[in-house]
Amino acid sequence: MDAFFLIGFFILVFVGIPIGLGFLFYFVPKRLGYPKTAKYLTITYGLIVLAIGLFIAFEDQLFTKNNAKELVEEQGFKLTDQFDLVKNKSMSAIGDYYHTFTLKISDIDKKNAILKIKSADNFKSDNGSVESLLYQQAPDRYFGKKVTQNYETEQSYIREYFEPSGREGYAPTFRRISISKTENELTFEDIDK
């Protein structure tokens, strides 16, 4: 029964309200004696709703190499050579967001990134214990301190960044960069839960 109400709520919010606003933009000016204004307002509103819908639907296709470079550089890695965006994927649901992409990077950029991870003060090799930043207890998830972990596994070198939201009930920022040991690939993950 709860699922039925949830579906009805989504239909109301994502379909009913936009259509209702469209009718308001048309009928209010028309009743006030401005039929051309009503027509232009409705067309403009429809185009805006369509543009937003298309942007949401094609978000992955609109993601560029510059967007990827900015996200990687926010984590402290500088990409100096050319790279290719091999894979890009994002998913979202209510309260959750997951975005990942893989870059094919040069040998020099790979070595610099690995050196940056290995030279970090808190670097741990695969035999060290690594806490999972994503699944911290509730008080730390919202109001704790920013944490960066650097560690090595069998397959890759990893930097994880965790920043609490500072507000109860809001998802913290959790980002992971993995650099493959066998390939010249950098994988970026942004997880909001």
N, C-alpha and C. Protein backbone atom coordinates (compact mmCIF):
# COMPACT_ATOMS: atom_id res chain seq x y z
N MET A 1 0.82 -1.19 0.00
CA MET A 1 0.00 0.00 0.00
C MET A 1 0.86 1.26 0.00
N ASP A 2 1.99 1.22 0.75
CA ASP A 2 2.88 2.38 0.79
C ASP A 2 3.50 2.65 -0.58
N ALA A 3 3.82 1.60 -1.32
CA ALA A 3 4.40 1.77 -2.65
C ALA A 3 3.41 2.48 -3.58
N PHE A 4 2.13 2.17 -3.44
CA PHE A 4 1.10 2.82 -4.25
C PHE A 4 1.08 4.33 -3.99
N PHE A 5 1.15 4.72 -2.71
CA PHE A 5 1.16 6.14 -2.37
C PHE A 5 2.44 6.82 -2.84
N LEU A 6 3.56 6.12 -2.77
CA LEU A 6 4.83 6.67 -3.22
C LEU A 6 4.80 6.93 -4.73
N ILE A 7 4.28 5.99 -5.48
CA ILE A 7 4.16 6.16 -6.93
C ILE A 7 3.22 7.33 -7.24
N GLY A 8 2.12 7.40 -6.54
CA GLY A 8 1.19 8.52 -6.73
C GLY A 8 1.82 9.85 -6.41
N PHE A 9 2.63 9.89 -5.36
CA PHE A 9 3.33 11.11 -4.99
C PHE A 9 4.29 11.55 -6.10
N PHE A 10 5.06 10.59 -6.65
CA PHE A 10 5.99 10.92 -7.73
C PHE A 10 5.27 11.41 -8.98
N ILE A 11 4.17 10.79 -9.30
CA ILE A 11 3.39 11.24 -10.46
C ILE A 11 2.90 12.67 -10.23
N LEU A 12 2.42 12.93 -9.04
CA LEU A 12 1.95 14.27 -8.71
C LEU A 12 3.07 15.30 -8.82
N VAL A 13 4.22 15.00 -8.23
CA VAL A 13 5.32 15.96 -8.19
C VAL A 13 5.94 16.16 -9.57
N PHE A 14 6.25 15.08 -10.26
CA PHE A 14 7.00 15.20 -11.51
C PHE A 14 6.15 15.36 -12.75
N VAL A 15 4.85 15.12 -12.66
CA VAL A 15 3.97 15.28 -13.81
C VAL A 15 2.88 16.31 -13.52
N GLY A 16 2.19 16.13 -12.41
CA GLY A 16 1.04 16.99 -12.10
C GLY A 16 1.40 18.44 -11.88
N ILE A 17 2.42 18.70 -11.08
CA ILE A 17 2.80 20.09 -10.79
C ILE A 17 3.29 20.81 -12.04
N PRO A 18 4.20 20.23 -12.85
CA PRO A 18 4.60 20.94 -14.07
C PRO A 18 3.44 21.20 -15.04
N ILE A 19 2.54 20.25 -15.18
CA ILE A 19 1.39 20.45 -16.07
C ILE A 19 0.47 21.52 -15.48
N GLY A 20 0.26 21.49 -14.17
CA GLY A 20 -0.56 22.50 -13.51
C GLY A 20 0.01 23.90 -13.68
N LEU A 21 1.33 24.03 -13.54
CA LEU A 21 1.96 25.33 -13.75
C LEU A 21 1.80 25.79 -15.19
N GLY A 22 1.90 24.86 -16.13
CA GLY A 22 1.69 25.21 -17.54
C GLY A 22 0.30 25.75 -17.78
N PHE A 23 -0.70 25.11 -17.19
CA PHE A 23 -2.08 25.61 -17.31
C PHE A 23 -2.22 26.99 -16.68
N LEU A 24 -1.60 27.21 -15.53
CA LEU A 24 -1.65 28.52 -14.90
C LEU A 24 -1.03 29.60 -15.79
N PHE A 25 0.15 29.26 -16.37
CA PHE A 25 0.81 30.22 -17.25
C PHE A 25 -0.04 30.55 -18.48
N TYR A 26 -0.92 29.64 -18.85
CA TYR A 26 -1.77 29.90 -20.01
C TYR A 26 -3.08 30.59 -19.63
N PHE A 27 -3.80 30.03 -18.67
CA PHE A 27 -5.16 30.50 -18.40
C PHE A 27 -5.23 31.83 -17.64
N VAL A 28 -4.29 32.08 -16.72
CA VAL A 28 -4.34 33.34 -15.96
C VAL A 28 -4.17 34.55 -16.88
N PRO A 29 -3.11 34.62 -17.71
CA PRO A 29 -3.01 35.78 -18.61
C PRO A 29 -4.16 35.84 -19.63
N LYS A 30 -4.63 34.68 -20.09
CA LYS A 30 -5.72 34.68 -21.06
C LYS A 30 -6.99 35.25 -20.44
N ARG A 31 -7.29 34.87 -19.20
CA ARG A 31 -8.49 35.39 -18.50
C ARG A 31 -8.37 36.89 -18.22
N LEU A 32 -7.15 37.35 -18.08
CA LEU A 32 -6.93 38.78 -17.83
C LEU A 32 -6.94 39.59 -19.13
N GLY A 33 -7.12 38.91 -20.27
CA GLY A 33 -7.22 39.61 -21.55
C GLY A 33 -5.92 39.73 -22.31
N TYR A 34 -4.96 38.85 -22.03
CA TYR A 34 -3.68 38.87 -22.73
C TYR A 34 -3.41 37.51 -23.38
N PRO A 35 -4.12 37.18 -24.46
CA PRO A 35 -3.96 35.85 -25.06
C PRO A 35 -2.57 35.62 -25.66
N LYS A 36 -1.96 36.66 -26.25
CA LYS A 36 -0.61 36.48 -26.82
C LYS A 36 0.41 36.23 -25.71
N THR A 37 0.29 36.96 -24.62
CA THR A 37 1.20 36.76 -23.49
C THR A 37 1.04 35.34 -22.94
N ALA A 38 -0.20 34.87 -22.86
CA ALA A 38 -0.46 33.51 -22.37
C ALA A 38 0.22 32.49 -23.27
N LYS A 39 0.09 32.70 -24.57
CA LYS A 39 0.69 31.77 -25.53
C LYS A 39 2.21 31.75 -25.40
N TYR A 40 2.83 32.94 -25.35
CA TYR A 40 4.29 33.01 -25.26
C TYR A 40 4.82 32.49 -23.92
N LEU A 41 4.12 32.79 -22.84
CA LEU A 41 4.52 32.27 -21.53
C LEU A 41 4.48 30.74 -21.51
N THR A 42 3.42 30.17 -22.07
CA THR A 42 3.28 28.71 -22.08
C THR A 42 4.35 28.06 -22.94
N ILE A 43 4.62 28.65 -24.10
CA ILE A 43 5.67 28.09 -24.98
C ILE A 43 7.03 28.18 -24.30
N THR A 44 7.33 29.33 -23.69
CA THR A 44 8.62 29.50 -23.00
C THR A 44 8.75 28.51 -21.84
N TYR A 45 7.69 28.38 -21.05
CA TYR A 45 7.70 27.43 -19.94
C TYR A 45 7.88 25.99 -20.44
N GLY A 46 7.19 25.63 -21.51
CA GLY A 46 7.32 24.29 -22.08
C GLY A 46 8.73 24.00 -22.56
N LEU A 47 9.36 25.00 -23.19
CA LEU A 47 10.74 24.81 -23.66
C LEU A 47 11.71 24.65 -22.49
N ILE A 48 11.48 25.40 -21.42
CA ILE A 48 12.35 25.28 -20.23
C ILE A 48 12.21 23.89 -19.61
N VAL A 49 10.97 23.42 -19.46
CA VAL A 49 10.74 22.08 -18.90
C VAL A 49 11.36 21.01 -19.80
N LEU A 50 11.22 21.18 -21.11
CA LEU A 50 11.81 20.23 -22.06
C LEU A 50 13.34 20.23 -21.97
N ALA A 51 13.94 21.42 -21.87
CA ALA A 51 15.40 21.52 -21.77
C ALA A 51 15.91 20.84 -20.49
N ILE A 52 15.21 21.07 -19.39
CA ILE A 52 15.62 20.43 -18.12
C ILE A 52 15.51 18.91 -18.23
N GLY A 53 14.42 18.44 -18.81
CA GLY A 53 14.23 17.00 -18.99
C GLY A 53 15.31 16.39 -19.88
N LEU A 54 15.64 17.07 -20.97
CA LEU A 54 16.69 16.56 -21.86
C LEU A 54 18.05 16.57 -21.19
N PHE A 55 18.33 17.62 -20.41
CA PHE A 55 19.61 17.69 -19.71
C PHE A 55 19.74 16.53 -18.72
N ILE A 56 18.67 16.24 -18.00
CA ILE A 56 18.71 15.12 -17.04
C ILE A 56 18.87 13.79 -17.78
N ALA A 57 18.16 13.63 -18.90
CA ALA A 57 18.21 12.38 -19.65
C ALA A 57 19.58 12.14 -20.29
N PHE A 58 20.24 13.21 -20.73
CA PHE A 58 21.50 13.06 -21.46
C PHE A 58 22.70 13.57 -20.66
N GLU A 59 22.60 13.53 -19.34
CA GLU A 59 23.67 14.03 -18.47
C GLU A 59 25.00 13.33 -18.75
N ASP A 60 24.99 12.03 -18.92
CA ASP A 60 26.23 11.30 -19.18
C ASP A 60 26.86 11.68 -20.52
N GLN A 61 26.05 11.92 -21.53
CA GLN A 61 26.57 12.28 -22.84
C GLN A 61 27.13 13.70 -22.87
N LEU A 62 26.68 14.56 -21.97
CA LEU A 62 27.15 15.94 -21.92
C LEU A 62 28.39 16.10 -21.04
N PHE A 63 28.83 15.04 -20.38
CA PHE A 63 30.01 15.07 -19.53
C PHE A 63 31.26 15.10 -20.41
N THR A 64 32.16 16.06 -20.18
CA THR A 64 33.33 16.23 -21.05
C THR A 64 34.63 15.88 -20.33
N LYS A 65 35.70 15.86 -21.10
CA LYS A 65 37.03 15.61 -20.53
C LYS A 65 37.41 16.73 -19.55
N ASN A 66 36.99 17.95 -19.84
CA ASN A 66 37.29 19.05 -18.92
C ASN A 66 36.58 18.86 -17.58
N ASN A 67 35.34 18.36 -17.61
CA ASN A 67 34.64 18.06 -16.35
C ASN A 67 35.41 17.01 -15.56
N ALA A 68 35.87 15.97 -16.26
CA ALA A 68 36.63 14.90 -15.60
C ALA A 68 37.93 15.45 -15.01
N LYS A 69 38.63 16.28 -15.78
CA LYS A 69 39.90 16.84 -15.31
C LYS A 69 39.69 17.69 -14.05
N GLU A 70 38.62 18.48 -14.02
CA GLU A 70 38.33 19.31 -12.84
C GLU A 70 38.09 18.45 -11.60
N LEU A 71 37.31 17.37 -11.76
CA LEU A 71 37.01 16.51 -10.61
C LEU A 71 38.28 15.81 -10.10
N VAL A 72 39.13 15.38 -11.02
CA VAL A 72 40.38 14.71 -10.61
C VAL A 72 41.31 15.72 -9.92
N GLU A 73 41.39 16.93 -10.47
CA GLU A 73 42.28 17.93 -9.88
C GLU A 73 41.79 18.42 -8.53
N GLU A 74 40.48 18.36 -8.28
CA GLU A 74 39.95 18.70 -6.95
C GLU A 74 40.51 17.77 -5.88
N GLN A 75 40.88 16.56 -6.29
CA GLN A 75 41.42 15.58 -5.34
C GLN A 75 42.95 15.65 -5.25
N GLY A 76 43.54 16.63 -5.89
CA GLY A 76 44.97 16.86 -5.76
C GLY A 76 45.84 16.20 -6.82
N PHE A 77 45.27 15.68 -7.88
CA PHE A 77 46.05 15.05 -8.94
C PHE A 77 46.06 15.96 -10.16
N LYS A 78 47.25 16.25 -10.66
CA LYS A 78 47.40 17.11 -11.83
C LYS A 78 47.61 16.24 -13.06
N LEU A 79 46.75 16.39 -14.06
CA LEU A 79 46.91 15.67 -15.32
C LEU A 79 47.57 16.61 -16.32
N THR A 80 48.83 16.33 -16.66
CA THR A 80 49.58 17.23 -17.54
C THR A 80 49.54 16.79 -19.00
N ASP A 81 49.42 15.49 -19.24
CA ASP A 81 49.42 14.97 -20.61
C ASP A 81 47.99 14.73 -21.09
N GLN A 82 47.89 14.39 -22.38
CA GLN A 82 46.59 14.06 -22.97
C GLN A 82 46.04 12.79 -22.32
N PHE A 83 44.74 12.72 -22.23
CA PHE A 83 44.08 11.53 -21.69
C PHE A 83 42.77 11.32 -22.43
N ASP A 84 42.25 10.09 -22.34
CA ASP A 84 40.97 9.76 -22.97
C ASP A 84 39.95 9.40 -21.91
N LEU A 85 38.72 9.83 -22.14
CA LEU A 85 37.60 9.46 -21.28
C LEU A 85 37.06 8.14 -21.81
N VAL A 86 37.40 7.05 -21.14
CA VAL A 86 37.07 5.70 -21.60
C VAL A 86 35.63 5.34 -21.27
N LYS A 87 35.20 5.65 -20.04
CA LYS A 87 33.88 5.25 -19.58
C LYS A 87 33.33 6.32 -18.66
N ASN A 88 32.05 6.58 -18.76
CA ASN A 88 31.38 7.53 -17.87
C ASN A 88 29.99 7.01 -17.58
N LYS A 89 29.62 6.97 -16.31
CA LYS A 89 28.32 6.43 -15.94
C LYS A 89 27.86 7.10 -14.65
N SER A 90 26.60 7.48 -14.61
CA SER A 90 26.04 8.01 -13.37
C SER A 90 24.65 7.43 -13.16
N MET A 91 24.30 7.29 -11.89
CA MET A 91 23.00 6.76 -11.51
C MET A 91 22.51 7.56 -10.32
N SER A 92 21.21 7.73 -10.24
CA SER A 92 20.68 8.41 -9.07
C SER A 92 19.33 7.82 -8.70
N ALA A 93 19.04 7.91 -7.44
CA ALA A 93 17.76 7.51 -6.88
C ALA A 93 17.49 8.49 -5.74
N ILE A 94 16.38 8.36 -5.12
CA ILE A 94 16.05 9.28 -4.04
C ILE A 94 17.07 9.11 -2.92
N GLY A 95 17.80 10.17 -2.64
CA GLY A 95 18.79 10.16 -1.57
C GLY A 95 20.13 9.56 -1.94
N ASP A 96 20.27 8.98 -3.12
CA ASP A 96 21.53 8.37 -3.54
C ASP A 96 21.98 8.93 -4.88
N TYR A 97 23.30 9.03 -5.04
CA TYR A 97 23.87 9.44 -6.32
C TYR A 97 25.20 8.73 -6.46
N TYR A 98 25.45 8.19 -7.65
CA TYR A 98 26.70 7.50 -7.92
C TYR A 98 27.19 7.92 -9.29
N HIS A 99 28.43 8.39 -9.36
CA HIS A 99 29.02 8.80 -10.64
C HIS A 99 30.43 8.21 -10.71
N THR A 100 30.73 7.56 -11.80
CA THR A 100 32.06 7.01 -12.00
C THR A 100 32.50 7.24 -13.43
N PHE A 101 33.79 7.46 -13.59
CA PHE A 101 34.36 7.52 -14.93
C PHE A 101 35.78 6.97 -14.88
N THR A 102 36.23 6.50 -16.03
CA THR A 102 37.57 5.95 -16.17
C THR A 102 38.31 6.72 -17.23
N LEU A 103 39.54 7.10 -16.90
CA LEU A 103 40.40 7.83 -17.84
C LEU A 103 41.59 6.97 -18.22
N LYS A 104 41.97 7.01 -19.48
CA LYS A 104 43.21 6.39 -19.95
C LYS A 104 44.27 7.49 -19.87
N ILE A 105 45.23 7.35 -18.95
CA ILE A 105 46.21 8.41 -18.71
C ILE A 105 47.59 7.99 -19.20
N SER A 106 48.51 8.95 -19.27
CA SER A 106 49.87 8.68 -19.72
C SER A 106 50.68 8.03 -18.60
N ASP A 107 51.82 7.45 -18.97
CA ASP A 107 52.72 6.84 -17.98
C ASP A 107 53.19 7.88 -16.96
N ILE A 108 53.50 9.08 -17.44
CA ILE A 108 54.01 10.13 -16.55
C ILE A 108 52.94 10.54 -15.53
N ASP A 109 51.71 10.75 -15.99
CA ASP A 109 50.63 11.11 -15.07
C ASP A 109 50.36 9.98 -14.07
N LYS A 110 50.45 8.74 -14.54
CA LYS A 110 50.25 7.59 -13.64
C LYS A 110 51.33 7.56 -12.57
N LYS A 111 52.58 7.72 -12.98
CA LYS A 111 53.68 7.70 -12.00
C LYS A 111 53.55 8.85 -11.00
N ASN A 112 53.18 10.05 -11.48
CA ASN A 112 53.02 11.19 -10.58
C ASN A 112 51.89 10.95 -9.57
N ALA A 113 50.79 10.36 -10.03
CA ALA A 113 49.66 10.09 -9.14
C ALA A 113 50.03 9.04 -8.09
N ILE A 114 50.71 7.98 -8.53
CA ILE A 114 51.14 6.94 -7.59
C ILE A 114 52.12 7.51 -6.57
N LEU A 115 53.04 8.33 -7.03
CA LEU A 115 54.00 8.95 -6.13
C LEU A 115 53.29 9.84 -5.11
N LYS A 116 52.27 10.57 -5.55
CA LYS A 116 51.51 11.44 -4.64
C LYS A 116 50.80 10.61 -3.56
N ILE A 117 50.24 9.47 -3.96
CA ILE A 117 49.57 8.60 -2.99
C ILE A 117 50.58 7.97 -2.04
N LYS A 118 51.66 7.43 -2.58
CA LYS A 118 52.65 6.73 -1.75
C LYS A 118 53.40 7.67 -0.82
N SER A 119 53.55 8.93 -1.20
CA SER A 119 54.30 9.86 -0.36
C SER A 119 53.42 10.56 0.68
N ALA A 120 52.13 10.26 0.70
CA ALA A 120 51.24 10.85 1.70
C ALA A 120 51.59 10.32 3.09
N ASP A 121 51.40 11.16 4.09
CA ASP A 121 51.73 10.80 5.47
C ASP A 121 50.95 9.59 5.96
N ASN A 122 49.72 9.44 5.49
CA ASN A 122 48.86 8.36 5.99
C ASN A 122 48.78 7.17 5.04
N PHE A 123 49.77 7.01 4.17
CA PHE A 123 49.76 5.90 3.21
C PHE A 123 49.88 4.56 3.93
N LYS A 124 49.04 3.60 3.50
CA LYS A 124 49.08 2.23 4.04
C LYS A 124 49.14 1.27 2.87
N SER A 125 49.96 0.24 3.01
CA SER A 125 49.99 -0.78 1.97
C SER A 125 48.86 -1.77 2.22
N ASP A 126 48.72 -2.76 1.34
CA ASP A 126 47.58 -3.68 1.42
C ASP A 126 47.55 -4.51 2.70
N ASN A 127 48.66 -4.57 3.42
CA ASN A 127 48.62 -5.33 4.66
C ASN A 127 48.22 -4.46 5.86
N GLY A 128 48.03 -3.16 5.63
CA GLY A 128 47.56 -2.27 6.70
C GLY A 128 46.04 -2.30 6.76
N SER A 129 45.50 -1.97 7.93
CA SER A 129 44.04 -1.96 8.03
C SER A 129 43.52 -0.61 7.55
N VAL A 130 42.51 -0.65 6.75
CA VAL A 130 41.92 0.56 6.19
C VAL A 130 40.46 0.61 6.59
N GLU A 131 40.06 1.70 7.27
CA GLU A 131 38.66 1.87 7.63
C GLU A 131 37.87 2.27 6.40
N SER A 132 36.64 1.85 6.33
CA SER A 132 35.79 2.27 5.22
C SER A 132 35.20 3.63 5.56
N LEU A 133 35.59 4.65 4.81
CA LEU A 133 35.10 6.00 5.06
C LEU A 133 33.62 6.14 4.73
N LEU A 134 33.16 5.37 3.76
CA LEU A 134 31.78 5.49 3.31
C LEU A 134 30.78 5.09 4.38
N TYR A 135 31.14 4.12 5.22
CA TYR A 135 30.20 3.58 6.18
C TYR A 135 30.54 3.98 7.62
N GLN A 136 30.94 5.22 7.82
CA GLN A 136 31.20 5.70 9.17
C GLN A 136 29.89 5.80 9.94
N GLN A 137 30.01 5.83 11.25
CA GLN A 137 28.83 5.94 12.11
C GLN A 137 28.16 7.30 11.91
N ALA A 138 26.88 7.38 12.20
CA ALA A 138 26.05 8.55 11.92
C ALA A 138 26.62 9.89 12.42
N PRO A 139 27.10 10.02 13.68
CA PRO A 139 27.58 11.34 14.09
C PRO A 139 28.74 11.84 13.23
N ASP A 140 29.65 10.94 12.88
CA ASP A 140 30.80 11.33 12.06
C ASP A 140 30.40 11.60 10.61
N ARG A 141 29.35 10.97 10.14
CA ARG A 141 28.92 11.15 8.74
C ARG A 141 28.44 12.58 8.48
N TYR A 142 27.91 13.22 9.49
CA TYR A 142 27.33 14.54 9.29
C TYR A 142 28.17 15.68 9.86
N PHE A 143 28.86 15.42 10.97
CA PHE A 143 29.54 16.52 11.64
C PHE A 143 31.01 16.25 11.95
N GLY A 144 31.56 15.20 11.42
CA GLY A 144 32.96 14.87 11.71
C GLY A 144 33.92 15.74 10.91
N LYS A 145 35.14 15.32 10.86
CA LYS A 145 36.16 16.08 10.14
C LYS A 145 36.38 15.50 8.74
N LYS A 146 37.00 16.30 7.89
CA LYS A 146 37.37 15.82 6.56
C LYS A 146 38.46 14.77 6.73
N VAL A 147 38.36 13.70 5.94
CA VAL A 147 39.34 12.62 6.05
C VAL A 147 39.80 12.23 4.65
N THR A 148 41.11 12.05 4.51
CA THR A 148 41.67 11.54 3.26
C THR A 148 42.48 10.31 3.59
N GLN A 149 42.25 9.23 2.88
CA GLN A 149 43.00 7.98 3.05
C GLN A 149 43.75 7.67 1.77
N ASN A 150 44.96 7.22 1.90
CA ASN A 150 45.78 6.78 0.78
C ASN A 150 46.25 5.37 1.08
N TYR A 151 45.98 4.44 0.18
CA TYR A 151 46.40 3.08 0.44
C TYR A 151 46.59 2.30 -0.87
N GLU A 152 47.15 1.12 -0.71
CA GLU A 152 47.48 0.25 -1.83
C GLU A 152 46.75 -1.07 -1.64
N THR A 153 46.18 -1.59 -2.73
CA THR A 153 45.60 -2.93 -2.72
C THR A 153 46.38 -3.77 -3.74
N GLU A 154 45.94 -4.98 -3.97
CA GLU A 154 46.62 -5.83 -4.95
C GLU A 154 46.52 -5.27 -6.36
N GLN A 155 45.39 -4.63 -6.68
CA GLN A 155 45.16 -4.17 -8.05
C GLN A 155 45.45 -2.69 -8.27
N SER A 156 45.43 -1.86 -7.22
CA SER A 156 45.52 -0.42 -7.47
C SER A 156 46.02 0.37 -6.27
N TYR A 157 46.33 1.64 -6.56
CA TYR A 157 46.62 2.64 -5.54
C TYR A 157 45.37 3.49 -5.42
N ILE A 158 44.97 3.79 -4.18
CA ILE A 158 43.67 4.43 -3.98
C ILE A 158 43.81 5.64 -3.05
N ARG A 159 43.10 6.71 -3.41
CA ARG A 159 42.91 7.86 -2.52
C ARG A 159 41.42 8.03 -2.32
N GLU A 160 41.01 8.05 -1.05
CA GLU A 160 39.61 8.28 -0.70
C GLU A 160 39.49 9.59 0.05
N TYR A 161 38.46 10.33 -0.27
CA TYR A 161 38.21 11.62 0.37
C TYR A 161 36.79 11.61 0.93
N PHE A 162 36.66 11.99 2.18
CA PHE A 162 35.36 12.01 2.84
C PHE A 162 35.20 13.35 3.54
N GLU A 163 34.09 14.04 3.21
CA GLU A 163 33.79 15.31 3.88
C GLU A 163 32.34 15.28 4.36
N PRO A 164 32.12 15.38 5.67
CA PRO A 164 30.76 15.41 6.19
C PRO A 164 29.99 16.61 5.65
N SER A 165 28.68 16.48 5.58
CA SER A 165 27.86 17.54 5.02
C SER A 165 27.70 18.72 5.99
N GLY A 166 27.84 18.47 7.29
CA GLY A 166 27.63 19.53 8.26
C GLY A 166 26.17 19.74 8.62
N ARG A 167 25.28 18.93 8.00
CA ARG A 167 23.85 19.03 8.27
C ARG A 167 23.27 17.64 8.43
N GLU A 168 22.49 17.47 9.45
CA GLU A 168 21.85 16.18 9.72
C GLU A 168 20.95 15.78 8.55
N GLY A 169 21.09 14.56 8.08
CA GLY A 169 20.23 14.04 7.02
C GLY A 169 20.72 14.32 5.60
N TYR A 170 21.79 15.08 5.43
CA TYR A 170 22.32 15.37 4.10
C TYR A 170 23.54 14.49 3.83
N ALA A 171 23.64 14.03 2.61
CA ALA A 171 24.71 13.09 2.26
C ALA A 171 26.08 13.77 2.30
N PRO A 172 27.06 13.08 2.87
CA PRO A 172 28.42 13.61 2.85
C PRO A 172 29.04 13.44 1.47
N THR A 173 30.17 14.09 1.25
CA THR A 173 30.91 13.93 0.00
C THR A 173 31.89 12.78 0.19
N PHE A 174 31.80 11.78 -0.68
CA PHE A 174 32.73 10.65 -0.64
C PHE A 174 33.25 10.43 -2.05
N ARG A 175 34.55 10.57 -2.23
CA ARG A 175 35.15 10.39 -3.55
C ARG A 175 36.34 9.46 -3.45
N ARG A 176 36.46 8.61 -4.45
CA ARG A 176 37.55 7.64 -4.49
C ARG A 176 38.22 7.70 -5.86
N ILE A 177 39.54 7.76 -5.85
CA ILE A 177 40.32 7.68 -7.09
C ILE A 177 41.19 6.44 -6.99
N SER A 178 41.08 5.57 -8.00
CA SER A 178 41.89 4.36 -8.06
C SER A 178 42.78 4.42 -9.28
N ILE A 179 44.06 4.11 -9.09
CA ILE A 179 44.99 4.06 -10.20
C ILE A 179 45.45 2.61 -10.34
N SER A 180 45.14 2.04 -11.47
CA SER A 180 45.44 0.63 -11.71
C SER A 180 46.95 0.39 -11.74
N LYS A 181 47.36 -0.75 -11.19
CA LYS A 181 48.78 -1.12 -11.22
C LYS A 181 49.18 -1.69 -12.58
N THR A 182 48.24 -2.31 -13.28
CA THR A 182 48.56 -2.99 -14.53
C THR A 182 48.26 -2.16 -15.77
N GLU A 183 47.30 -1.26 -15.69
CA GLU A 183 46.90 -0.45 -16.84
C GLU A 183 47.17 1.02 -16.53
N ASN A 184 47.18 1.83 -17.57
CA ASN A 184 47.30 3.28 -17.38
C ASN A 184 45.89 3.86 -17.25
N GLU A 185 45.18 3.44 -16.21
CA GLU A 185 43.81 3.87 -16.02
C GLU A 185 43.61 4.48 -14.64
N LEU A 186 42.85 5.56 -14.63
CA LEU A 186 42.45 6.22 -13.40
C LEU A 186 40.94 6.15 -13.33
N THR A 187 40.41 5.62 -12.24
CA THR A 187 38.96 5.51 -12.06
C THR A 187 38.53 6.42 -10.92
N PHE A 188 37.55 7.26 -11.20
CA PHE A 188 37.02 8.21 -10.24
C PHE A 188 35.61 7.77 -9.85
N GLU A 189 35.31 7.78 -8.55
CA GLU A 189 33.97 7.45 -8.06
C GLU A 189 33.50 8.54 -7.12
N ASP A 190 32.28 9.01 -7.32
CA ASP A 190 31.64 9.96 -6.43
C ASP A 190 30.37 9.29 -5.93
N ILE A 191 30.31 9.06 -4.62
CA ILE A 191 29.19 8.30 -4.04
C ILE A 191 28.54 9.17 -2.96
N ASP A 192 27.28 9.46 -3.13
CA ASP A 192 26.51 10.19 -2.13
C ASP A 192 25.38 9.30 -1.66
N LYS A 193 25.43 8.86 -0.42
CA LYS A 193 24.39 7.98 0.13
C LYS A 193 23.85 8.60 1.39
